Each structure stands twice: as C-alpha cells, then as structure tokens.
Amino acid sequence: MKSALVIGYGQIGREVASQLSAAGVHTSVATRSGPASAPEVVAAGNVDTTPSLGSAAANSSTANLRTPASATSPHPEITRVRADAADPAQLLEAAAGTDIIFACVHAPYDSRVW
C-alpha cells in the first residue's frame, strides 16, 4: 500500500492517518472542513490531536490540521482535502489514485451518548 485516503478526522480517523503516515504511506484526509481550494499539505508531526469541537470547529479551515511549524518532520506529510462523505462525486475525486480507503466517519463525539 503506497497511498491511502482517510474519510473523517475524528478520534479514529486522526489516529489512523497518523499511523499510516508514520509507516511511510502517503496519506490524504478528506473532511468537510478541508481547504476550499487546492489540497493542503501538513507535516504529520503537526497534526492537531485535540478532539473535534463539533460544527463550529468544522467550519474553520484549521479545525483539524495545523500548518507545519517546521520543515523537518520524522514522518511523511498528510494531505488535507475537502470532501463531504455524503457527496459521492467529492469522494470519488478525493479517492482518485489511492490504494485503500479508510471510512472513519462518525457522528460528533459526545461522552453522554457513549
């Protein structure tokens, strides 16, 4: 496996993307809050691991991934793309050229539900 697409970037998607990147797999993350224009590339070591803050944070272009603090990182980069899991055309575009897809979409986390 050379490339992967992780759909969703909550608690599970964040961990899957981090592990894939650490293993040397070119990793893309598709979220509704991805960049509006071209895909954004961030260093895997600079992935924000704080829990998602729901829809308010999802509307922020920096809600889930941070811009690299430095050019040096022990892991390959993660590409962040905008795609809504409910839109097949967006998912097809985001998945073009990837070897595997990890579907990590879930409702916003609420500890009262779990």
Protein backbone atom coordinates (compact mmCIF):
# COMPACT_ATOMS: atom_id res chain seq x y z
CA MET A 1 0.00 0.00 0.00
CA LYS A 2 1.53 3.28 -1.14
CA SER A 3 -1.34 5.71 -0.64
CA ALA A 4 -4.45 5.93 1.49
CA LEU A 5 -7.47 8.14 1.92
CA VAL A 6 -8.94 8.56 5.40
CA ILE A 7 -12.53 9.82 5.29
CA GLY A 8 -13.34 11.64 8.50
CA TYR A 9 -10.94 13.08 11.00
CA GLY A 10 -12.39 12.48 14.42
CA GLN A 11 -10.78 10.43 17.15
CA ILE A 12 -10.36 7.30 14.99
CA GLY A 13 -9.55 8.97 11.66
CA ARG A 14 -6.89 11.13 13.30
CA GLU A 15 -5.15 8.05 14.75
CA VAL A 16 -5.42 6.03 11.53
CA ALA A 17 -3.95 8.90 9.48
CA SER A 18 -1.13 9.40 11.95
CA GLN A 19 -0.18 5.71 11.95
CA LEU A 20 -0.37 5.43 8.16
CA SER A 21 1.84 8.46 7.72
CA ALA A 22 4.32 7.19 10.31
CA ALA A 23 4.51 3.93 8.34
CA GLY A 24 5.50 5.85 5.21
CA VAL A 25 2.14 5.70 3.44
CA HIS A 26 1.18 8.84 1.51
CA THR A 27 -1.96 9.79 3.42
CA SER A 28 -4.83 12.06 2.44
CA VAL A 29 -7.57 13.07 4.85
CA ALA A 30 -10.98 14.07 3.49
CA THR A 31 -13.12 16.29 5.72
CA ARG A 32 -15.85 18.85 5.24
CA SER A 33 -13.52 21.39 6.83
CA GLY A 34 -10.69 20.77 4.36
CA PRO A 35 -9.22 23.65 2.36
CA ALA A 36 -11.64 25.29 -0.07
CA SER A 37 -9.18 25.44 -2.95
CA ALA A 38 -6.14 23.24 -3.56
CA PRO A 39 -5.29 20.40 -1.17
CA GLU A 40 -3.33 21.50 1.88
CA VAL A 41 -0.24 19.55 2.92
CA VAL A 42 0.82 19.41 6.55
CA ALA A 43 3.60 17.56 8.32
CA ALA A 44 2.28 14.50 10.13
CA GLY A 45 4.07 15.54 13.29
CA ASN A 46 1.95 18.71 13.36
CA VAL A 47 -1.45 17.03 13.32
CA ASP A 48 -3.78 18.54 15.90
CA THR A 49 -4.82 15.71 18.18
CA THR A 50 -7.35 17.66 20.21
CA PRO A 51 -10.91 16.31 19.99
CA SER A 52 -13.20 17.82 17.40
CA LEU A 53 -15.32 20.68 18.68
CA GLY A 54 -18.33 19.93 16.51
CA SER A 55 -19.81 22.02 13.73
CA ALA A 56 -18.33 25.33 14.85
CA ALA A 57 -14.81 23.94 14.53
CA ALA A 58 -15.67 22.03 11.38
CA ASN A 59 -16.28 25.33 9.59
CA SER A 60 -12.76 26.54 10.39
CA SER A 61 -10.12 25.73 7.77
CA THR A 62 -7.66 24.94 10.58
CA ALA A 63 -10.00 22.98 12.83
CA ASN A 64 -8.29 19.61 12.50
CA LEU A 65 -4.83 20.06 10.99
CA ARG A 66 -2.22 22.71 11.68
CA THR A 67 0.27 24.22 9.29
CA PRO A 68 3.71 22.73 9.84
CA ALA A 69 5.76 24.52 12.47
CA SER A 70 8.98 23.49 10.75
CA ALA A 71 10.07 21.86 7.55
CA THR A 72 11.62 18.93 9.40
CA SER A 73 9.39 16.05 10.41
CA PRO A 74 10.19 12.39 11.07
CA HIS A 75 7.08 11.33 9.12
CA PRO A 76 5.80 11.94 5.60
CA GLU A 77 3.17 14.57 5.09
CA ILE A 78 -0.59 14.27 5.27
CA THR A 79 -2.61 15.94 2.52
CA ARG A 80 -5.85 17.51 3.63
CA VAL A 81 -8.70 17.71 1.08
CA ARG A 82 -12.26 18.99 1.29
CA ALA A 83 -14.92 16.36 0.67
CA ASP A 84 -18.27 15.62 2.23
CA ALA A 85 -18.82 11.92 2.94
CA ALA A 86 -22.42 12.33 1.78
CA ASP A 87 -21.34 13.52 -1.68
CA PRO A 88 -20.24 10.62 -3.94
CA ALA A 89 -18.69 12.93 -6.55
CA GLN A 90 -16.49 14.62 -3.96
CA LEU A 91 -15.42 11.26 -2.54
CA LEU A 92 -14.56 9.89 -5.99
CA GLU A 93 -12.40 12.93 -6.67
CA ALA A 94 -10.68 12.69 -3.27
CA ALA A 95 -10.05 8.95 -3.73
CA ALA A 96 -8.56 9.18 -7.22
CA GLY A 97 -5.24 7.33 -7.29
CA THR A 98 -5.35 5.93 -3.76
CA ASP A 99 -4.72 2.29 -2.98
CA ILE A 100 -7.06 1.99 0.00
CA ILE A 101 -9.81 3.95 1.75
CA PHE A 102 -10.44 4.06 5.49
CA ALA A 103 -14.01 5.14 6.29
CA CYS A 104 -13.77 6.81 9.69
CA VAL A 105 -16.87 8.99 9.52
CA HIS A 106 -18.94 9.15 12.67
CA ALA A 107 -21.31 11.46 14.45
CA PRO A 108 -19.66 14.12 16.64
CA TYR A 109 -18.35 12.60 19.86
CA ASP A 110 -20.49 13.11 22.96
CA SER A 111 -19.41 11.24 26.09
CA ARG A 112 -23.01 11.24 27.34
CA VAL A 113 -24.01 9.06 24.37
CA TRP A 114 -21.20 6.56 24.93
